[in-house]
Amino acid sequence: MTVKVNNAMMRNNIFDSPAAQEFMRELKSEVLKFQRPADQVIIDEVELCSILHISKRHAADLRKEGKIRYSKDGGKLFYKLSWVLEYIDKYMVEPPTSFLNIPKLGKVPIGRS
């Protein structure tokens, strides 16, 4: 006996599974997280290290030196995304003006207009 399975029916069964529903909830949560203001997005140490491309040891050094703000509940560390952005802004390095090719304002040399 041959059973024909309708593709639409197969798709419905796949997306109706509990695992697929959980995946969809997690995906929606991640999308919504980035639609909130930075002050309302909370990340943990693993996400911090991933965002900044640093090790956990470097993150610990930043906390110890008071360079980055954090919250602690028991052994778990939390950061607001706005605090991470403040840290990045605070230690921003301006490029040398020679790389910007910005003409200096002032007197125009004789013979040029």
N, C-alpha and C. Protein backbone atom coordinates (compact mmCIF):
# COMPACT_ATOMS: atom_id res chain seq x y z
N MET A 1 0.85 -1.17 0.00
CA MET A 1 0.00 0.00 0.00
C MET A 1 0.89 1.24 0.00
N THR A 2 0.59 2.17 -0.88
CA THR A 2 1.34 3.41 -0.99
C THR A 2 0.52 4.53 -0.39
N VAL A 3 1.19 5.34 0.46
CA VAL A 3 0.50 6.47 1.09
C VAL A 3 1.08 7.75 0.52
N LYS A 4 0.21 8.57 -0.03
CA LYS A 4 0.64 9.86 -0.54
C LYS A 4 0.49 10.89 0.58
N VAL A 5 1.55 11.66 0.78
CA VAL A 5 1.53 12.69 1.83
C VAL A 5 1.53 14.05 1.16
N ASN A 6 0.57 14.82 1.50
CA ASN A 6 0.45 16.17 0.99
C ASN A 6 1.57 17.02 1.58
N ASN A 7 2.32 17.78 0.75
CA ASN A 7 3.42 18.61 1.25
C ASN A 7 2.94 19.63 2.28
N ALA A 8 1.79 20.25 2.05
CA ALA A 8 1.26 21.22 3.01
C ALA A 8 0.97 20.55 4.34
N MET A 9 0.44 19.31 4.28
CA MET A 9 0.15 18.58 5.50
C MET A 9 1.44 18.26 6.25
N MET A 10 2.48 17.88 5.50
CA MET A 10 3.77 17.58 6.09
C MET A 10 4.35 18.82 6.77
N ARG A 11 4.25 19.98 6.11
CA ARG A 11 4.76 21.22 6.68
C ARG A 11 4.03 21.56 7.97
N ASN A 12 2.72 21.39 7.98
CA ASN A 12 1.95 21.67 9.19
C ASN A 12 2.39 20.78 10.34
N ASN A 13 2.63 19.52 10.05
CA ASN A 13 3.05 18.60 11.11
C ASN A 13 4.42 18.98 11.66
N ILE A 14 5.33 19.39 10.81
CA ILE A 14 6.67 19.78 11.25
C ILE A 14 6.60 21.01 12.15
N PHE A 15 5.87 22.03 11.75
CA PHE A 15 5.81 23.27 12.51
C PHE A 15 4.90 23.18 13.73
N ASP A 16 4.09 22.14 13.80
CA ASP A 16 3.23 21.97 14.96
C ASP A 16 3.92 21.20 16.08
N SER A 17 5.10 20.67 15.83
CA SER A 17 5.78 19.89 16.86
C SER A 17 6.19 20.79 18.02
N PRO A 18 6.24 20.26 19.23
CA PRO A 18 6.65 21.07 20.39
C PRO A 18 8.04 21.67 20.24
N ALA A 19 8.96 20.94 19.65
CA ALA A 19 10.33 21.46 19.46
C ALA A 19 10.32 22.67 18.52
N ALA A 20 9.52 22.57 17.45
CA ALA A 20 9.44 23.68 16.51
C ALA A 20 8.78 24.89 17.16
N GLN A 21 7.75 24.65 17.95
CA GLN A 21 7.07 25.75 18.64
C GLN A 21 8.01 26.44 19.62
N GLU A 22 8.81 25.67 20.33
CA GLU A 22 9.78 26.24 21.27
C GLU A 22 10.83 27.06 20.52
N PHE A 23 11.30 26.53 19.41
CA PHE A 23 12.27 27.25 18.58
C PHE A 23 11.69 28.58 18.11
N MET A 24 10.45 28.56 17.67
CA MET A 24 9.80 29.78 17.18
C MET A 24 9.66 30.80 18.32
N ARG A 25 9.34 30.34 19.53
CA ARG A 25 9.24 31.26 20.69
C ARG A 25 10.60 31.89 20.99
N GLU A 26 11.65 31.08 20.98
CA GLU A 26 13.00 31.60 21.24
C GLU A 26 13.42 32.60 20.17
N LEU A 27 13.14 32.28 18.93
CA LEU A 27 13.49 33.16 17.82
C LEU A 27 12.76 34.49 17.94
N LYS A 28 11.48 34.43 18.24
CA LYS A 28 10.69 35.65 18.41
C LYS A 28 11.23 36.48 19.57
N SER A 29 11.61 35.82 20.65
CA SER A 29 12.17 36.52 21.81
C SER A 29 13.47 37.25 21.44
N GLU A 30 14.32 36.58 20.67
CA GLU A 30 15.59 37.20 20.26
C GLU A 30 15.34 38.41 19.35
N VAL A 31 14.40 38.29 18.45
CA VAL A 31 14.07 39.40 17.55
C VAL A 31 13.53 40.57 18.36
N LEU A 32 12.63 40.29 19.29
CA LEU A 32 12.03 41.36 20.09
C LEU A 32 13.06 42.01 21.01
N LYS A 33 14.05 41.23 21.47
CA LYS A 33 15.05 41.78 22.37
C LYS A 33 15.77 42.96 21.73
N PHE A 34 16.03 42.88 20.44
CA PHE A 34 16.77 43.93 19.77
C PHE A 34 15.88 45.07 19.30
N GLN A 35 14.59 44.97 19.58
CA GLN A 35 13.69 46.07 19.26
C GLN A 35 13.42 46.92 20.49
N ARG A 36 14.07 46.60 21.60
CA ARG A 36 13.91 47.38 22.83
C ARG A 36 15.08 48.34 22.97
N PRO A 37 14.88 49.39 23.76
CA PRO A 37 16.01 50.31 24.02
C PRO A 37 17.16 49.56 24.71
N ALA A 38 18.38 50.03 24.49
CA ALA A 38 19.56 49.37 25.04
C ALA A 38 19.52 49.28 26.55
N ASP A 39 18.82 50.20 27.20
CA ASP A 39 18.73 50.19 28.66
C ASP A 39 17.84 49.05 29.17
N GLN A 40 17.05 48.47 28.28
CA GLN A 40 16.15 47.39 28.68
C GLN A 40 16.63 46.01 28.25
N VAL A 41 17.78 45.94 27.57
CA VAL A 41 18.32 44.66 27.13
C VAL A 41 19.37 44.21 28.14
N ILE A 42 19.14 43.05 28.75
CA ILE A 42 20.05 42.49 29.74
C ILE A 42 20.80 41.33 29.10
N ILE A 43 22.12 41.34 29.26
CA ILE A 43 22.94 40.24 28.73
C ILE A 43 23.76 39.64 29.87
N ASP A 44 24.20 38.41 29.68
CA ASP A 44 25.04 37.77 30.69
C ASP A 44 26.51 37.84 30.25
N GLU A 45 27.37 37.24 31.03
CA GLU A 45 28.80 37.34 30.75
C GLU A 45 29.19 36.67 29.43
N VAL A 46 28.55 35.56 29.13
CA VAL A 46 28.85 34.86 27.87
C VAL A 46 28.51 35.75 26.68
N GLU A 47 27.35 36.41 26.73
CA GLU A 47 26.96 37.31 25.64
C GLU A 47 27.89 38.52 25.57
N LEU A 48 28.30 39.04 26.74
CA LEU A 48 29.24 40.17 26.76
C LEU A 48 30.53 39.79 26.06
N CYS A 49 31.08 38.64 26.42
CA CYS A 49 32.34 38.20 25.82
C CYS A 49 32.18 38.00 24.32
N SER A 50 31.04 37.50 23.91
CA SER A 50 30.79 37.29 22.48
C SER A 50 30.67 38.63 21.74
N ILE A 51 29.96 39.58 22.33
CA ILE A 51 29.78 40.89 21.69
C ILE A 51 31.11 41.62 21.55
N LEU A 52 31.91 41.62 22.63
CA LEU A 52 33.18 42.37 22.63
C LEU A 52 34.36 41.56 22.10
N HIS A 53 34.15 40.27 21.84
CA HIS A 53 35.23 39.38 21.40
C HIS A 53 36.37 39.38 22.40
N ILE A 54 36.02 39.15 23.68
CA ILE A 54 37.01 39.10 24.75
C ILE A 54 36.84 37.80 25.53
N SER A 55 37.84 37.47 26.34
CA SER A 55 37.76 36.28 27.19
C SER A 55 37.05 36.62 28.50
N LYS A 56 36.66 35.58 29.23
CA LYS A 56 36.04 35.80 30.54
C LYS A 56 37.04 36.47 31.49
N ARG A 57 38.31 36.14 31.35
CA ARG A 57 39.34 36.75 32.19
C ARG A 57 39.42 38.26 31.92
N HIS A 58 39.36 38.65 30.65
CA HIS A 58 39.40 40.06 30.30
C HIS A 58 38.16 40.77 30.85
N ALA A 59 37.00 40.11 30.76
CA ALA A 59 35.78 40.69 31.32
C ALA A 59 35.93 40.90 32.83
N ALA A 60 36.55 39.94 33.52
CA ALA A 60 36.78 40.07 34.95
C ALA A 60 37.71 41.24 35.25
N ASP A 61 38.73 41.41 34.40
CA ASP A 61 39.65 42.55 34.58
C ASP A 61 38.92 43.87 34.39
N LEU A 62 38.04 43.95 33.40
CA LEU A 62 37.28 45.18 33.17
C LEU A 62 36.42 45.52 34.38
N ARG A 63 35.81 44.50 34.99
CA ARG A 63 35.00 44.74 36.19
C ARG A 63 35.88 45.18 37.35
N LYS A 64 36.99 44.49 37.56
CA LYS A 64 37.89 44.80 38.67
C LYS A 64 38.45 46.22 38.57
N GLU A 65 38.75 46.66 37.36
CA GLU A 65 39.30 47.99 37.12
C GLU A 65 38.21 49.07 37.10
N GLY A 66 36.95 48.65 37.21
CA GLY A 66 35.84 49.61 37.22
C GLY A 66 35.57 50.22 35.85
N LYS A 67 35.98 49.53 34.80
CA LYS A 67 35.81 50.07 33.45
C LYS A 67 34.42 49.80 32.89
N ILE A 68 33.76 48.77 33.41
CA ILE A 68 32.43 48.42 32.90
C ILE A 68 31.50 48.15 34.08
N ARG A 69 30.28 48.65 33.97
CA ARG A 69 29.29 48.47 35.03
C ARG A 69 28.65 47.09 34.89
N TYR A 70 28.22 46.53 36.03
CA TYR A 70 27.57 45.23 36.01
C TYR A 70 26.71 45.07 37.26
N SER A 71 25.85 44.07 37.21
CA SER A 71 25.05 43.68 38.37
C SER A 71 25.37 42.23 38.67
N LYS A 72 25.21 41.86 39.93
CA LYS A 72 25.52 40.49 40.32
C LYS A 72 24.42 39.97 41.22
N ASP A 73 23.93 38.78 40.91
CA ASP A 73 22.95 38.11 41.74
C ASP A 73 23.50 36.72 42.01
N GLY A 74 23.96 36.51 43.23
CA GLY A 74 24.63 35.26 43.53
C GLY A 74 25.92 35.18 42.75
N GLY A 75 26.07 34.16 41.94
CA GLY A 75 27.27 34.03 41.12
C GLY A 75 27.06 34.47 39.68
N LYS A 76 25.86 34.93 39.36
CA LYS A 76 25.53 35.29 37.98
C LYS A 76 25.76 36.78 37.76
N LEU A 77 26.44 37.13 36.67
CA LEU A 77 26.73 38.52 36.32
C LEU A 77 25.82 38.97 35.19
N PHE A 78 25.33 40.20 35.29
CA PHE A 78 24.45 40.76 34.27
C PHE A 78 24.95 42.13 33.85
N TYR A 79 24.71 42.47 32.61
CA TYR A 79 25.09 43.76 32.05
C TYR A 79 23.92 44.30 31.25
N LYS A 80 23.67 45.59 31.36
CA LYS A 80 22.71 46.22 30.45
C LYS A 80 23.48 46.55 29.18
N LEU A 81 22.82 46.39 28.06
CA LEU A 81 23.48 46.70 26.79
C LEU A 81 23.93 48.15 26.76
N SER A 82 23.17 49.04 27.41
CA SER A 82 23.56 50.45 27.46
C SER A 82 24.89 50.63 28.19
N TRP A 83 25.16 49.80 29.21
CA TRP A 83 26.44 49.89 29.93
C TRP A 83 27.59 49.46 29.03
N VAL A 84 27.35 48.46 28.21
CA VAL A 84 28.39 48.00 27.28
C VAL A 84 28.68 49.10 26.26
N LEU A 85 27.63 49.74 25.77
CA LEU A 85 27.83 50.84 24.81
C LEU A 85 28.54 52.02 25.46
N GLU A 86 28.25 52.31 26.73
CA GLU A 86 28.97 53.37 27.45
C GLU A 86 30.46 53.05 27.53
N TYR A 87 30.78 51.80 27.84
CA TYR A 87 32.18 51.36 27.92
C TYR A 87 32.87 51.58 26.57
N ILE A 88 32.21 51.17 25.49
CA ILE A 88 32.79 51.32 24.16
C ILE A 88 33.01 52.79 23.83
N ASP A 89 32.02 53.64 24.15
CA ASP A 89 32.14 55.08 23.88
C ASP A 89 33.24 55.71 24.71
N LYS A 90 33.35 55.30 25.98
CA LYS A 90 34.34 55.89 26.88
C LYS A 90 35.77 55.65 26.40
N TYR A 91 36.01 54.50 25.81
CA TYR A 91 37.37 54.16 25.38
C TYR A 91 37.54 54.25 23.86
N MET A 92 36.70 55.05 23.23
CA MET A 92 36.80 55.26 21.79
C MET A 92 38.09 56.02 21.48
N VAL A 93 38.74 55.63 20.43
CA VAL A 93 39.97 56.29 19.99
C VAL A 93 39.66 57.00 18.68
N GLU A 94 39.92 58.30 18.66
CA GLU A 94 39.71 59.08 17.44
C GLU A 94 40.81 58.76 16.45
N PRO A 95 40.47 58.65 15.17
CA PRO A 95 41.52 58.41 14.17
C PRO A 95 42.39 59.65 14.02
N PRO A 96 43.65 59.45 13.66
CA PRO A 96 44.52 60.62 13.42
C PRO A 96 43.94 61.48 12.31
N THR A 97 44.11 62.79 12.45
CA THR A 97 43.55 63.70 11.44
C THR A 97 44.19 63.50 10.08
N SER A 98 45.41 62.99 10.02
CA SER A 98 46.06 62.78 8.73
C SER A 98 45.32 61.72 7.91
N PHE A 99 44.57 60.83 8.56
CA PHE A 99 43.81 59.82 7.84
C PHE A 99 42.47 60.33 7.37
N LEU A 100 42.02 61.41 7.95
CA LEU A 100 40.70 61.94 7.61
C LEU A 100 40.72 62.82 6.37
N ASN A 101 41.89 63.32 5.98
CA ASN A 101 42.03 64.20 4.81
C ASN A 101 41.08 65.40 4.87
N ILE A 102 40.99 66.00 6.01
CA ILE A 102 40.15 67.18 6.17
C ILE A 102 41.04 68.40 6.01
N PRO A 103 40.75 69.25 5.03
CA PRO A 103 41.58 70.45 4.87
C PRO A 103 41.37 71.38 6.07
N LYS A 104 42.47 71.95 6.51
CA LYS A 104 42.38 72.87 7.65
C LYS A 104 41.81 74.20 7.18
N LEU A 105 40.94 74.75 7.99
CA LEU A 105 40.35 76.04 7.68
C LEU A 105 41.35 77.14 7.98
N GLY A 106 41.34 78.13 7.21
CA GLY A 106 42.28 79.24 7.44
C GLY A 106 42.50 80.00 6.15
N LYS A 107 43.69 80.55 6.04
CA LYS A 107 44.01 81.36 4.87
C LYS A 107 44.19 80.47 3.64
N VAL A 108 43.71 80.96 2.52
CA VAL A 108 43.88 80.26 1.25
C VAL A 108 45.18 80.78 0.65
N PRO A 109 46.09 79.89 0.23
CA PRO A 109 47.36 80.33 -0.35
C PRO A 109 47.12 81.22 -1.57
N ILE A 110 48.04 82.16 -1.79
CA ILE A 110 47.94 83.10 -2.92
C ILE A 110 47.98 82.30 -4.21
N GLY A 111 47.14 82.70 -5.13
CA GLY A 111 47.09 82.03 -6.42
C GLY A 111 46.06 80.91 -6.47
N ARG A 112 45.47 80.57 -5.33
CA ARG A 112 44.44 79.52 -5.30
C ARG A 112 43.14 80.14 -4.86
N SER A 113 42.07 79.63 -5.37
CA SER A 113 40.77 80.16 -4.95
C SER A 113 39.87 79.07 -4.46
